[in-house]
Amino acid sequence: MNDPSPDLIKDAEIHQSLNQNQLSNDELFRHVDKNNDGKIDVNELIQLLEKGHVETCPKKRVAIARRIIDQGSGSSDTSSLTFQQFADYVLKQEKKLSLVFRNVDAAHQGKFDAEDLVFYFKKLGITVELAEAKKLVEKMDQDNSLQISFDEWRSFFMANPAMLDSVTNDPHEMLHYWRSALYVDLGESLYGAPEDASTEDGKWWKNLIAGGIAGAVSRTATAPFDRLKIIMQYLGSRQRMSVLNGYRYLIKEGGVRSLWRGNGVNVLKIIPETALRFAFFEEAKKILKKMQNKELSTETTIAERFAAGAIAGFLSQTVVYPLDVLKVRLCLRRTGEFSHWTDAVKRMYRFEGPKAFWRGYVLNQVGIIPFAGFDLACYETLKNLYIKKHNHQEPPIYVVLGCGAISSFTGQLVTYPIALLRTRRQGQIVPLPNMDQSKAHPIIPATQMLKEIWHNEGIVGLYRGLVPNILKVIPSVSISYLVYETVIKAIP
């Protein structure tokens, strides 16, 4: 590296011919080839990516592993790489790294410093402050010279062959990897730990907008299922009704428009609920990692995601819960009972007090953790089963939607009795003087309510309204996904 103007590509080829790179590749190959069968397969690459925290998203790990196999073998039908194929793939990416190094080393001194780095990214239209550039240099500076030689450059990126194709083709991807890389000792090699995928681009507002619109469209499209479910949950055995008879009754009582009663409030709470859940989820992940003395850039485990999701759900639901109670009251009302949803709020507050807006709150919060747990566990299990049975190919969209629908239904099935008790509690009106007593029902403890349902209706009573709830799962998931993808692509 003393030559002031080295031809780095040629230099890399000379190293290859002298077997120096071959030795390094051989060591890396043996490190990846866990079963010592002389081949590297998709599973071994995924394990490398997962163990080294090179990529946080399981889907991306599978895609990266498949890309390495396909590029290294030259075929999309191959499931493993020989040593020579792996070495050829690494050398090809090393040549690309050499070109990038030459561009950073604008003075052709065989090394660069933080100022060179700032200038390089500035030419690409990417702003990197000098203070950050110094930190980036420190990450790969092995001899504390504050200057990076080609060997140091190569060692930093070549330690993660699974990411080479991305970082050598996209300067933004390279900078993202560089910024987030932390050294994790895994034996002979060092592997980077990128930040969690959910915060990698800072475009959280896109997810919020797309999620809000998708939720609004999805809930509006499936509102008739939701209203019938609530009515069947609340009435129970007092008025046994089938799905068809239920819809006939609702249309006869208030017309077709009555099927969407309460949907306005349901849509109204989407944006604040989505925004709060996202914000609380991100903060909860950070707190959980700090409690475990983990770096914030480490991959979020399934257990951490579950805990963070439960915390986010608990807090966001607390903020919007009064709107949920109001939605149930509007769904249960008869035509002409309220002139407007604000009229319902005034009457509830006047006749029942502020406590009316928090009825069923405890039951609602109790159901969050088991639902989140079963939903997440079922989704991950189904998706992983498909991936393993299909040679680690990324599942098509209909499989992803199917996994989401089944996992959502499973979570609801487990927690449905809790949701039913919550709905009945939300709909109960305390009998007060000067009220129509036929509309009032005494507030009873949840345990007593459960006993009465079991005694009078049996286990069927705990699942009243399940059929319309099942009917809305697939269209709800499908519509939500399609709208979300359409909106997220339309946002610049």
Foldseek 3Di string as FASTA:
>chain_A
DQPLADPVLVVLVVCVVVCVLVVVLVVVVPVLPVVPPQKHFLVSQLCVCQVQQQDQDSLVSLVLSQVLQCQLVVHSPDGIHGSVSNSVLLSVLLSLLSVVQCLLPVSSRQKHALVSVQVSVVVVVDHDDSVLSQVLLVQQPPPPPRIDGSVSSCQVPSLNSSCSVVVSVDVVSVVQQSSQFDFDDDDPHTHGNAAEPCPSPVVVVLLLVLLLVLLLVLCQVLQLLVLLLLQQLQCFPVDDDDPVRSVVVQCVQPRPVLSNFLSVLVSVLSNQLSVQLVVQLLVQLVVVCVVVVHDNRHHQDPVSSLVSNLRSNLVSCVVSQLSVLLSLQRSPDTPPPAPDSVRVVVVCCVQPNPVLSCFLVVLVSVLSNQLSVQLSVQLVVQQVVVCVVPSNDHDDPVSNLVSNLVSNLRSCVVSQLSVSLSSNRSLADDDDPPDDCVSHDHDDDSVVVVVVQCVPPNPVSSCGSVVSVSVSRSSSSVSSVVSSVVSSVVPD
